[in-house]
N, C-alpha and C. Protein backbone atom coordinates (compact mmCIF):
# COMPACT_ATOMS: atom_id res chain seq x y z
N UNK A 1 79.63 89.66 101.69
CA UNK A 1 79.66 90.36 102.96
C UNK A 1 79.12 89.42 104.03
N UNK A 2 79.84 89.37 105.13
CA UNK A 2 79.40 88.52 106.24
C UNK A 2 78.30 89.18 107.02
N UNK A 3 77.73 88.45 107.97
CA UNK A 3 76.62 89.00 108.76
C UNK A 3 77.08 90.14 109.65
N UNK A 4 78.36 90.13 110.06
CA UNK A 4 78.86 91.18 110.96
C UNK A 4 78.91 92.55 110.32
N UNK A 5 79.10 92.60 108.98
CA UNK A 5 79.24 93.90 108.33
C UNK A 5 77.90 94.55 107.97
N UNK A 6 76.83 93.79 107.80
CA UNK A 6 75.55 94.32 107.30
C UNK A 6 75.03 95.51 108.10
N UNK A 7 74.96 95.46 109.44
CA UNK A 7 74.48 96.64 110.17
C UNK A 7 75.41 97.84 109.99
N UNK A 8 76.70 97.59 109.83
CA UNK A 8 77.65 98.69 109.63
C UNK A 8 77.35 99.40 108.32
N UNK A 9 77.09 98.63 107.28
CA UNK A 9 76.81 99.20 105.96
C UNK A 9 75.63 100.16 106.05
N UNK A 10 74.59 99.76 106.75
CA UNK A 10 73.38 100.58 106.84
C UNK A 10 73.53 101.77 107.79
N UNK A 11 74.52 101.73 108.66
CA UNK A 11 74.72 102.83 109.60
C UNK A 11 75.52 103.97 109.00
N UNK A 12 76.18 103.74 107.89
CA UNK A 12 77.02 104.77 107.26
C UNK A 12 76.13 105.82 106.59
N UNK A 13 76.46 107.07 106.83
CA UNK A 13 75.67 108.19 106.31
C UNK A 13 76.25 108.78 105.01
N UNK A 14 77.44 108.37 104.61
CA UNK A 14 78.10 108.95 103.44
C UNK A 14 77.26 108.79 102.18
N UNK A 15 77.36 109.79 101.30
CA UNK A 15 76.62 109.78 100.04
C UNK A 15 77.03 108.58 99.18
N UNK A 16 78.33 108.30 99.11
CA UNK A 16 78.82 107.13 98.39
C UNK A 16 79.19 106.08 99.43
N UNK A 17 78.60 104.89 99.33
CA UNK A 17 78.80 103.84 100.31
C UNK A 17 78.84 102.51 99.55
N UNK A 18 80.04 102.12 99.09
CA UNK A 18 80.20 100.92 98.28
C UNK A 18 80.97 99.85 99.06
N UNK A 19 80.51 98.59 98.93
CA UNK A 19 81.15 97.49 99.63
C UNK A 19 81.37 96.33 98.68
N UNK A 20 82.47 95.62 98.87
CA UNK A 20 82.71 94.34 98.24
C UNK A 20 83.31 93.47 99.34
N UNK A 21 82.58 92.46 99.75
CA UNK A 21 82.96 91.62 100.89
C UNK A 21 83.24 92.51 102.09
N UNK A 22 84.50 92.57 102.56
CA UNK A 22 84.77 93.41 103.73
C UNK A 22 85.54 94.67 103.36
N UNK A 23 85.60 95.04 102.07
CA UNK A 23 86.26 96.27 101.62
C UNK A 23 85.18 97.32 101.33
N UNK A 24 85.42 98.52 101.85
CA UNK A 24 84.44 99.58 101.67
C UNK A 24 85.09 100.82 101.07
N UNK A 25 84.29 101.57 100.33
CA UNK A 25 84.68 102.89 99.84
C UNK A 25 83.54 103.83 100.18
N UNK A 26 83.87 104.88 100.93
CA UNK A 26 82.85 105.88 101.25
C UNK A 26 83.38 107.25 100.82
N UNK A 27 82.44 108.13 100.46
CA UNK A 27 82.82 109.48 100.03
C UNK A 27 81.72 110.44 100.43
N UNK A 28 82.16 111.54 101.02
CA UNK A 28 81.25 112.61 101.40
C UNK A 28 82.09 113.75 101.92
N UNK A 29 81.47 114.67 102.64
CA UNK A 29 82.23 115.76 103.25
C UNK A 29 83.16 115.17 104.32
N UNK A 30 84.17 115.93 104.68
CA UNK A 30 85.13 115.47 105.68
C UNK A 30 84.42 115.11 106.98
N UNK A 31 83.48 115.93 107.40
CA UNK A 31 82.77 115.70 108.66
C UNK A 31 82.02 114.37 108.63
N UNK A 32 81.32 114.10 107.53
CA UNK A 32 80.53 112.87 107.41
C UNK A 32 81.46 111.65 107.37
N UNK A 33 82.55 111.74 106.60
CA UNK A 33 83.48 110.61 106.50
C UNK A 33 84.11 110.31 107.86
N UNK A 34 84.53 111.35 108.57
CA UNK A 34 85.14 111.14 109.89
C UNK A 34 84.13 110.54 110.87
N UNK A 35 82.89 111.02 110.82
CA UNK A 35 81.84 110.46 111.69
C UNK A 35 81.58 109.00 111.33
N UNK A 36 81.52 108.70 110.03
CA UNK A 36 81.30 107.32 109.59
C UNK A 36 82.46 106.42 110.00
N UNK A 37 83.67 106.92 109.91
CA UNK A 37 84.83 106.13 110.33
C UNK A 37 84.72 105.78 111.81
N UNK A 38 84.29 106.72 112.60
CA UNK A 38 84.10 106.48 114.04
C UNK A 38 83.02 105.42 114.27
N UNK A 39 81.90 105.53 113.54
CA UNK A 39 80.81 104.56 113.64
C UNK A 39 81.30 103.16 113.26
N UNK A 40 82.03 103.06 112.15
CA UNK A 40 82.53 101.76 111.68
C UNK A 40 83.45 101.14 112.73
N UNK A 41 84.36 101.93 113.29
CA UNK A 41 85.28 101.40 114.29
C UNK A 41 84.52 100.86 115.51
N UNK A 42 83.54 101.64 115.97
CA UNK A 42 82.78 101.22 117.16
C UNK A 42 81.92 99.99 116.88
N UNK A 43 81.20 100.00 115.77
CA UNK A 43 80.32 98.87 115.45
C UNK A 43 81.12 97.61 115.13
N UNK A 44 82.26 97.77 114.47
CA UNK A 44 83.10 96.62 114.15
C UNK A 44 83.61 95.98 115.44
N UNK A 45 84.01 96.80 116.38
CA UNK A 45 84.52 96.28 117.66
C UNK A 45 83.44 95.49 118.40
N UNK A 46 82.18 95.92 118.28
CA UNK A 46 81.07 95.23 118.95
C UNK A 46 80.89 93.79 118.46
N UNK A 47 81.26 93.52 117.21
CA UNK A 47 81.10 92.17 116.66
C UNK A 47 82.45 91.46 116.49
N UNK A 48 83.49 92.02 117.12
CA UNK A 48 84.80 91.38 117.11
C UNK A 48 85.64 91.65 115.88
N UNK A 49 85.31 92.68 115.13
CA UNK A 49 86.08 93.03 113.93
C UNK A 49 86.94 94.27 114.20
N UNK A 50 88.02 94.39 113.47
CA UNK A 50 88.86 95.60 113.56
C UNK A 50 89.21 96.06 112.16
N UNK A 51 89.47 97.35 112.03
CA UNK A 51 89.91 97.89 110.76
C UNK A 51 91.40 97.63 110.61
N UNK A 52 91.81 97.25 109.42
CA UNK A 52 93.22 97.02 109.14
C UNK A 52 93.84 98.36 108.76
N UNK A 53 94.56 98.99 109.70
CA UNK A 53 95.09 100.33 109.45
C UNK A 53 96.13 100.37 108.34
N UNK A 54 96.77 99.24 108.03
CA UNK A 54 97.75 99.25 106.95
C UNK A 54 97.08 99.29 105.58
N UNK A 55 95.78 98.92 105.52
CA UNK A 55 95.05 98.95 104.25
C UNK A 55 94.13 100.17 104.16
N UNK A 56 93.93 100.87 105.25
CA UNK A 56 93.00 101.99 105.27
C UNK A 56 93.61 103.19 104.57
N UNK A 57 92.84 103.83 103.73
CA UNK A 57 93.31 105.02 103.03
C UNK A 57 92.24 106.09 103.11
N UNK A 58 92.71 107.33 103.10
CA UNK A 58 91.78 108.44 103.08
C UNK A 58 92.38 109.55 102.24
N UNK A 59 91.57 110.15 101.41
CA UNK A 59 92.01 111.28 100.62
C UNK A 59 91.08 112.44 100.89
N UNK A 60 91.68 113.61 101.07
CA UNK A 60 90.89 114.83 101.26
C UNK A 60 91.06 115.68 100.01
N UNK A 61 89.98 115.82 99.27
CA UNK A 61 90.02 116.59 98.04
C UNK A 61 89.28 117.89 98.29
N UNK A 62 89.96 118.99 98.05
CA UNK A 62 89.32 120.30 98.19
C UNK A 62 89.03 120.70 99.61
N UNK A 63 89.99 120.51 100.52
CA UNK A 63 89.78 120.95 101.89
C UNK A 63 89.57 122.46 101.88
N UNK A 64 88.75 122.93 102.80
CA UNK A 64 88.34 124.33 102.78
C UNK A 64 89.21 125.26 103.61
N UNK A 65 89.96 124.74 104.55
CA UNK A 65 90.74 125.61 105.41
C UNK A 65 92.01 124.92 105.88
N UNK A 66 92.93 125.70 106.41
CA UNK A 66 94.17 125.15 106.95
C UNK A 66 93.85 124.24 108.14
N UNK A 67 92.89 124.64 108.99
CA UNK A 67 92.51 123.81 110.14
C UNK A 67 91.97 122.46 109.69
N UNK A 68 91.13 122.48 108.67
CA UNK A 68 90.56 121.24 108.16
C UNK A 68 91.66 120.35 107.57
N UNK A 69 92.58 120.97 106.83
CA UNK A 69 93.69 120.22 106.26
C UNK A 69 94.54 119.60 107.36
N UNK A 70 94.80 120.36 108.43
CA UNK A 70 95.59 119.84 109.55
C UNK A 70 94.88 118.68 110.24
N UNK A 71 93.56 118.75 110.36
CA UNK A 71 92.84 117.65 111.00
C UNK A 71 92.92 116.39 110.16
N UNK A 72 92.91 116.53 108.83
CA UNK A 72 93.06 115.38 107.95
C UNK A 72 94.45 114.79 108.09
N UNK A 73 95.47 115.64 108.13
CA UNK A 73 96.85 115.17 108.28
C UNK A 73 97.00 114.43 109.59
N UNK A 74 96.45 114.95 110.67
CA UNK A 74 96.54 114.29 111.97
C UNK A 74 95.84 112.93 111.92
N UNK A 75 94.70 112.86 111.24
CA UNK A 75 93.99 111.60 111.12
C UNK A 75 94.83 110.58 110.35
N UNK A 76 95.47 111.03 109.25
CA UNK A 76 96.36 110.14 108.50
C UNK A 76 97.43 109.57 109.40
N UNK A 77 98.08 110.44 110.15
CA UNK A 77 99.18 110.00 111.01
C UNK A 77 98.69 109.03 112.07
N UNK A 78 97.49 109.26 112.57
CA UNK A 78 96.95 108.44 113.64
C UNK A 78 96.46 107.08 113.14
N UNK A 79 95.88 107.05 111.95
CA UNK A 79 95.20 105.83 111.52
C UNK A 79 95.89 105.03 110.42
N UNK A 80 96.84 105.62 109.73
CA UNK A 80 97.41 104.89 108.60
C UNK A 80 98.93 104.96 108.60
N UNK A 81 99.53 104.08 109.35
CA UNK A 81 100.98 104.02 109.33
C UNK A 81 101.42 103.52 107.97
N UNK A 82 102.55 104.01 107.49
CA UNK A 82 103.05 103.62 106.18
C UNK A 82 102.28 104.25 105.04
N UNK A 83 101.55 105.33 105.30
CA UNK A 83 100.73 105.96 104.28
C UNK A 83 101.53 106.38 103.06
N UNK A 84 102.71 106.98 103.28
CA UNK A 84 103.53 107.43 102.16
C UNK A 84 103.96 106.24 101.30
N UNK A 85 104.42 105.17 101.92
CA UNK A 85 104.81 103.99 101.16
C UNK A 85 103.62 103.41 100.40
N UNK A 86 102.45 103.40 101.04
CA UNK A 86 101.25 102.88 100.36
C UNK A 86 100.95 103.71 99.12
N UNK A 87 101.07 105.03 99.25
CA UNK A 87 100.84 105.89 98.09
C UNK A 87 101.88 105.62 97.01
N UNK A 88 103.14 105.52 97.39
CA UNK A 88 104.20 105.28 96.41
C UNK A 88 103.97 103.96 95.66
N UNK A 89 103.57 102.92 96.39
CA UNK A 89 103.32 101.63 95.75
C UNK A 89 102.20 101.75 94.72
N UNK A 90 101.16 102.47 95.05
CA UNK A 90 100.03 102.62 94.14
C UNK A 90 100.38 103.48 92.94
N UNK A 91 101.39 104.34 93.07
CA UNK A 91 101.76 105.22 91.96
C UNK A 91 102.64 104.53 90.92
N UNK A 92 103.09 103.32 91.22
CA UNK A 92 103.90 102.58 90.25
C UNK A 92 103.02 102.09 89.10
N UNK A 93 103.60 101.89 87.92
CA UNK A 93 102.82 101.36 86.79
C UNK A 93 102.25 99.98 87.11
N UNK A 94 101.14 99.64 86.48
CA UNK A 94 100.46 98.36 86.70
C UNK A 94 101.38 97.19 86.39
N UNK A 95 102.19 97.31 85.34
CA UNK A 95 103.06 96.18 84.95
C UNK A 95 104.13 95.85 85.98
N UNK A 96 104.35 96.74 86.96
CA UNK A 96 105.29 96.39 88.04
C UNK A 96 104.57 96.43 89.39
N UNK A 97 103.36 95.91 89.39
CA UNK A 97 102.56 95.69 90.60
C UNK A 97 102.02 96.94 91.26
N UNK A 98 101.97 98.03 90.54
CA UNK A 98 101.33 99.23 91.08
C UNK A 98 99.91 99.35 90.58
N UNK A 99 99.25 100.45 90.90
CA UNK A 99 97.90 100.70 90.41
C UNK A 99 97.91 101.63 89.20
N UNK A 100 99.08 102.21 88.90
CA UNK A 100 99.18 103.12 87.77
C UNK A 100 98.58 104.48 88.05
N UNK A 101 98.36 104.80 89.32
CA UNK A 101 97.81 106.10 89.68
C UNK A 101 98.95 107.12 89.64
N UNK A 102 98.80 108.13 88.85
CA UNK A 102 99.86 109.14 88.71
C UNK A 102 99.64 110.27 89.70
N UNK A 103 100.70 110.66 90.36
CA UNK A 103 100.65 111.80 91.27
C UNK A 103 101.15 113.00 90.48
N UNK A 104 100.32 114.01 90.33
CA UNK A 104 100.65 115.14 89.46
C UNK A 104 101.94 115.83 89.88
N UNK A 105 102.25 115.86 91.15
CA UNK A 105 103.48 116.50 91.61
C UNK A 105 104.69 115.78 91.04
N UNK A 106 104.66 114.45 91.01
CA UNK A 106 105.79 113.68 90.52
C UNK A 106 105.89 113.66 89.00
N UNK A 107 104.77 113.79 88.32
CA UNK A 107 104.76 113.65 86.87
C UNK A 107 104.71 114.98 86.11
N UNK A 108 104.53 116.09 86.80
CA UNK A 108 104.39 117.38 86.12
C UNK A 108 105.61 117.72 85.26
N UNK A 109 106.80 117.55 85.81
CA UNK A 109 108.01 117.90 85.06
C UNK A 109 108.23 116.95 83.87
N UNK A 110 108.11 115.61 84.03
CA UNK A 110 108.23 114.76 82.84
C UNK A 110 107.20 115.11 81.75
N UNK A 111 105.96 115.38 82.15
CA UNK A 111 104.93 115.75 81.18
C UNK A 111 105.32 117.06 80.48
N UNK A 112 105.74 118.03 81.29
CA UNK A 112 106.11 119.34 80.76
C UNK A 112 107.26 119.22 79.76
N UNK A 113 108.31 118.49 80.14
CA UNK A 113 109.49 118.38 79.27
C UNK A 113 109.15 117.69 77.95
N UNK A 114 108.39 116.60 77.99
CA UNK A 114 108.01 115.92 76.75
C UNK A 114 107.14 116.82 75.88
N UNK A 115 106.20 117.49 76.51
CA UNK A 115 105.30 118.37 75.76
C UNK A 115 106.06 119.55 75.16
N UNK A 116 106.93 120.15 75.94
CA UNK A 116 107.69 121.30 75.46
C UNK A 116 108.59 120.91 74.28
N UNK A 117 109.29 119.79 74.41
CA UNK A 117 110.17 119.36 73.32
C UNK A 117 109.39 119.03 72.05
N UNK A 118 108.19 118.46 72.21
CA UNK A 118 107.41 118.10 71.02
C UNK A 118 106.79 119.33 70.35
N UNK A 119 106.72 120.44 71.05
CA UNK A 119 106.09 121.62 70.47
C UNK A 119 107.06 122.77 70.19
N UNK A 120 108.36 122.54 70.32
CA UNK A 120 109.35 123.62 70.13
C UNK A 120 109.24 124.29 68.76
N UNK A 121 109.07 123.50 67.72
CA UNK A 121 109.01 124.11 66.38
C UNK A 121 107.77 125.01 66.24
N UNK A 122 106.66 124.61 66.87
CA UNK A 122 105.45 125.44 66.83
C UNK A 122 105.65 126.70 67.66
N UNK A 123 106.29 126.56 68.80
CA UNK A 123 106.55 127.73 69.66
C UNK A 123 107.41 128.75 68.94
N UNK A 124 108.43 128.26 68.26
CA UNK A 124 109.33 129.17 67.54
C UNK A 124 108.56 129.94 66.47
N UNK A 125 107.61 129.26 65.83
CA UNK A 125 106.81 129.90 64.79
C UNK A 125 105.79 130.88 65.38
N UNK A 126 105.16 130.51 66.51
CA UNK A 126 104.06 131.29 67.07
C UNK A 126 104.49 132.44 67.99
N UNK A 127 105.57 132.25 68.73
CA UNK A 127 105.95 133.24 69.73
C UNK A 127 106.88 134.31 69.14
N UNK A 128 106.75 135.52 69.64
CA UNK A 128 107.72 136.54 69.23
C UNK A 128 109.13 136.13 69.67
N UNK A 129 110.13 136.56 68.93
CA UNK A 129 111.52 136.14 69.17
C UNK A 129 111.97 136.43 70.60
N UNK A 130 111.59 137.59 71.16
CA UNK A 130 112.06 137.93 72.51
C UNK A 130 111.50 136.98 73.57
N UNK A 131 110.34 136.41 73.34
CA UNK A 131 109.77 135.43 74.29
C UNK A 131 110.35 134.05 74.03
N UNK A 132 110.45 133.67 72.75
CA UNK A 132 110.97 132.35 72.42
C UNK A 132 112.42 132.18 72.87
N UNK A 133 113.20 133.25 72.87
CA UNK A 133 114.60 133.16 73.28
C UNK A 133 114.75 132.76 74.75
N UNK A 134 113.69 132.91 75.55
CA UNK A 134 113.72 132.47 76.95
C UNK A 134 113.48 130.97 77.09
N UNK A 135 113.02 130.32 76.04
CA UNK A 135 112.69 128.89 76.10
C UNK A 135 113.87 128.02 76.52
N UNK A 136 115.09 128.22 75.98
CA UNK A 136 116.21 127.38 76.45
C UNK A 136 116.46 127.51 77.96
N UNK A 137 116.26 128.68 78.52
CA UNK A 137 116.43 128.87 79.97
C UNK A 137 115.38 128.07 80.73
N UNK A 138 114.15 128.08 80.24
CA UNK A 138 113.07 127.32 80.86
C UNK A 138 113.38 125.82 80.79
N UNK A 139 113.82 125.37 79.63
CA UNK A 139 114.15 123.95 79.45
C UNK A 139 115.28 123.55 80.40
N UNK A 140 116.31 124.39 80.49
CA UNK A 140 117.45 124.09 81.37
C UNK A 140 117.01 123.97 82.82
N UNK A 141 116.18 124.91 83.27
CA UNK A 141 115.69 124.87 84.66
C UNK A 141 114.84 123.62 84.91
N UNK A 142 113.97 123.29 83.97
CA UNK A 142 113.11 122.10 84.12
C UNK A 142 113.96 120.82 84.13
N UNK A 143 114.97 120.76 83.26
CA UNK A 143 115.85 119.58 83.23
C UNK A 143 116.63 119.44 84.53
N UNK A 144 117.14 120.54 85.05
CA UNK A 144 117.89 120.50 86.31
C UNK A 144 116.99 119.99 87.44
N UNK A 145 115.77 120.50 87.48
CA UNK A 145 114.82 120.06 88.51
C UNK A 145 114.55 118.56 88.37
N UNK A 146 114.33 118.12 87.13
CA UNK A 146 114.07 116.70 86.85
C UNK A 146 115.27 115.85 87.27
N UNK A 147 116.49 116.28 86.91
CA UNK A 147 117.70 115.52 87.25
C UNK A 147 117.85 115.36 88.76
N UNK A 148 117.65 116.44 89.51
CA UNK A 148 117.83 116.36 90.96
C UNK A 148 116.71 115.61 91.64
N UNK A 149 115.50 115.68 91.11
CA UNK A 149 114.37 115.01 91.77
C UNK A 149 114.38 113.50 91.55
N UNK A 150 114.93 113.04 90.43
CA UNK A 150 114.93 111.59 90.19
C UNK A 150 116.33 111.01 90.11
N UNK A 151 117.33 111.82 90.37
CA UNK A 151 118.73 111.37 90.36
C UNK A 151 119.09 110.66 89.06
N UNK A 152 118.66 111.24 87.94
CA UNK A 152 118.90 110.62 86.65
C UNK A 152 120.38 110.66 86.30
N UNK A 153 120.86 109.57 85.74
CA UNK A 153 122.26 109.50 85.32
C UNK A 153 122.46 110.11 83.95
N UNK A 154 121.41 110.10 83.15
CA UNK A 154 121.52 110.56 81.77
C UNK A 154 120.28 111.37 81.40
N UNK A 155 120.50 112.52 80.77
CA UNK A 155 119.39 113.36 80.33
C UNK A 155 119.03 112.98 78.90
N UNK A 156 117.74 112.73 78.62
CA UNK A 156 117.34 112.39 77.26
C UNK A 156 117.77 113.46 76.26
N UNK A 157 118.15 113.03 75.08
CA UNK A 157 118.57 113.96 74.04
C UNK A 157 118.02 113.49 72.70
N UNK A 158 117.94 114.39 71.74
CA UNK A 158 117.49 114.05 70.40
C UNK A 158 115.98 113.87 70.32
N UNK A 159 115.56 113.01 69.41
CA UNK A 159 114.13 112.82 69.15
C UNK A 159 113.37 112.21 70.33
N UNK A 160 114.06 111.44 71.19
CA UNK A 160 113.38 110.80 72.31
C UNK A 160 112.91 111.81 73.36
N UNK A 161 113.37 113.05 73.27
CA UNK A 161 112.94 114.09 74.23
C UNK A 161 111.43 114.34 74.18
N UNK A 162 110.80 113.97 73.07
CA UNK A 162 109.36 114.18 72.91
C UNK A 162 108.53 113.06 73.51
N UNK A 163 109.18 112.00 73.98
CA UNK A 163 108.47 110.82 74.48
C UNK A 163 108.35 110.90 76.00
N UNK A 164 107.14 111.00 76.45
CA UNK A 164 106.86 111.16 77.88
C UNK A 164 107.45 110.03 78.73
N UNK A 165 107.34 108.80 78.27
CA UNK A 165 107.81 107.66 79.06
C UNK A 165 109.33 107.70 79.27
N UNK A 166 110.06 108.34 78.37
CA UNK A 166 111.52 108.48 78.52
C UNK A 166 111.82 109.33 79.75
N UNK A 167 111.03 110.37 79.96
CA UNK A 167 111.23 111.26 81.12
C UNK A 167 110.68 110.62 82.40
N UNK A 168 109.64 109.78 82.25
CA UNK A 168 109.02 109.14 83.42
C UNK A 168 109.85 108.00 83.99
N UNK A 169 110.53 107.24 83.14
CA UNK A 169 111.23 106.03 83.59
C UNK A 169 112.17 106.27 84.77
N UNK A 170 113.01 107.30 84.75
CA UNK A 170 113.88 107.52 85.91
C UNK A 170 113.10 107.89 87.19
N UNK A 171 111.97 108.57 87.03
CA UNK A 171 111.14 108.90 88.19
C UNK A 171 110.61 107.61 88.82
N UNK A 172 110.14 106.69 87.98
CA UNK A 172 109.62 105.41 88.45
C UNK A 172 110.73 104.58 89.10
N UNK A 173 111.91 104.56 88.48
CA UNK A 173 113.05 103.82 89.04
C UNK A 173 113.45 104.38 90.41
N UNK A 174 113.42 105.70 90.53
CA UNK A 174 113.76 106.32 91.82
C UNK A 174 112.72 105.97 92.88
N UNK A 175 111.45 105.94 92.50
CA UNK A 175 110.38 105.54 93.42
C UNK A 175 110.59 104.10 93.89
N UNK A 176 110.89 103.20 92.95
CA UNK A 176 111.16 101.81 93.31
C UNK A 176 112.34 101.70 94.27
N UNK A 177 113.38 102.46 94.02
CA UNK A 177 114.56 102.45 94.88
C UNK A 177 114.20 102.91 96.29
N UNK A 178 113.46 104.03 96.38
CA UNK A 178 113.04 104.54 97.69
C UNK A 178 112.19 103.52 98.44
N UNK A 179 111.27 102.87 97.74
CA UNK A 179 110.41 101.87 98.38
C UNK A 179 111.22 100.66 98.85
N UNK A 180 112.18 100.23 98.04
CA UNK A 180 113.00 99.07 98.40
C UNK A 180 113.77 99.34 99.69
N UNK A 181 114.25 100.55 99.83
CA UNK A 181 115.01 100.92 101.04
C UNK A 181 114.09 101.03 102.26
N UNK A 182 112.91 101.60 102.07
CA UNK A 182 112.05 101.91 103.23
C UNK A 182 111.10 100.78 103.64
N UNK A 183 110.94 99.76 102.82
CA UNK A 183 109.97 98.71 103.14
C UNK A 183 110.41 97.90 104.36
N UNK A 184 109.43 97.45 105.13
CA UNK A 184 109.70 96.74 106.38
C UNK A 184 109.79 95.23 106.23
N UNK A 185 108.98 94.67 105.36
CA UNK A 185 108.90 93.20 105.30
C UNK A 185 109.77 92.63 104.19
N UNK A 186 110.26 91.44 104.42
CA UNK A 186 111.09 90.74 103.42
C UNK A 186 110.28 90.45 102.16
N UNK A 187 108.99 90.14 102.35
CA UNK A 187 108.11 89.85 101.21
C UNK A 187 107.96 91.07 100.30
N UNK A 188 107.70 92.25 100.90
CA UNK A 188 107.58 93.47 100.11
C UNK A 188 108.89 93.82 99.42
N UNK A 189 110.00 93.65 100.14
CA UNK A 189 111.31 93.96 99.56
C UNK A 189 111.59 93.05 98.36
N UNK A 190 111.27 91.76 98.48
CA UNK A 190 111.47 90.81 97.37
C UNK A 190 110.62 91.19 96.17
N UNK A 191 109.36 91.54 96.44
CA UNK A 191 108.46 91.93 95.35
C UNK A 191 109.00 93.16 94.61
N UNK A 192 109.50 94.13 95.36
CA UNK A 192 110.03 95.36 94.74
C UNK A 192 111.32 95.07 93.99
N UNK A 193 112.16 94.21 94.51
CA UNK A 193 113.41 93.86 93.81
C UNK A 193 113.12 93.16 92.50
N UNK A 194 112.10 92.30 92.47
CA UNK A 194 111.72 91.62 91.23
C UNK A 194 111.17 92.65 90.24
N UNK A 195 110.36 93.58 90.72
CA UNK A 195 109.79 94.61 89.85
C UNK A 195 110.90 95.50 89.29
N UNK A 196 111.95 95.68 90.05
CA UNK A 196 113.05 96.56 89.65
C UNK A 196 114.04 95.88 88.73
N UNK A 197 113.94 94.54 88.59
CA UNK A 197 114.91 93.78 87.79
C UNK A 197 114.68 93.97 86.30
């Protein structure tokens, strides 16, 4: 950490206040984090530093109200351009330059389908016939949702239906495709094309 950041580190009120060189992670209530962000911006400007908005990230976990959620959304829009692309890049597997962070919304259906297929024989044994007979309808609906959300060309069949990565692969490929189209820089586009090869 350089001399310019030291007073900033001590001015932050957040319960979690971690630094490595000029990268920081803070965590606390929304009010404290927003106040700390304001302090960091002002103090950084005083010593000739600026926050890199393309690297800045914020997550709101457990917002308490619609108003609070809206204020977080407005802050995202104001301070972090390319936020969606940044999230998508981080959600890619580590082996293709992502962080491997899974977004539950994107992975719920692949997880569900693999789990359901691997437990069908147990369900047939455990559930009454009138309930189990609805299972093919549930599977069909989940498969249709999966097909449309990831534009899959082929639906897994046979024993591979129990393998989670089989259902995930098209979701990851679709994410890579979306990122390749939406990326702004030639460097990012090249990196994504190599990852997609």
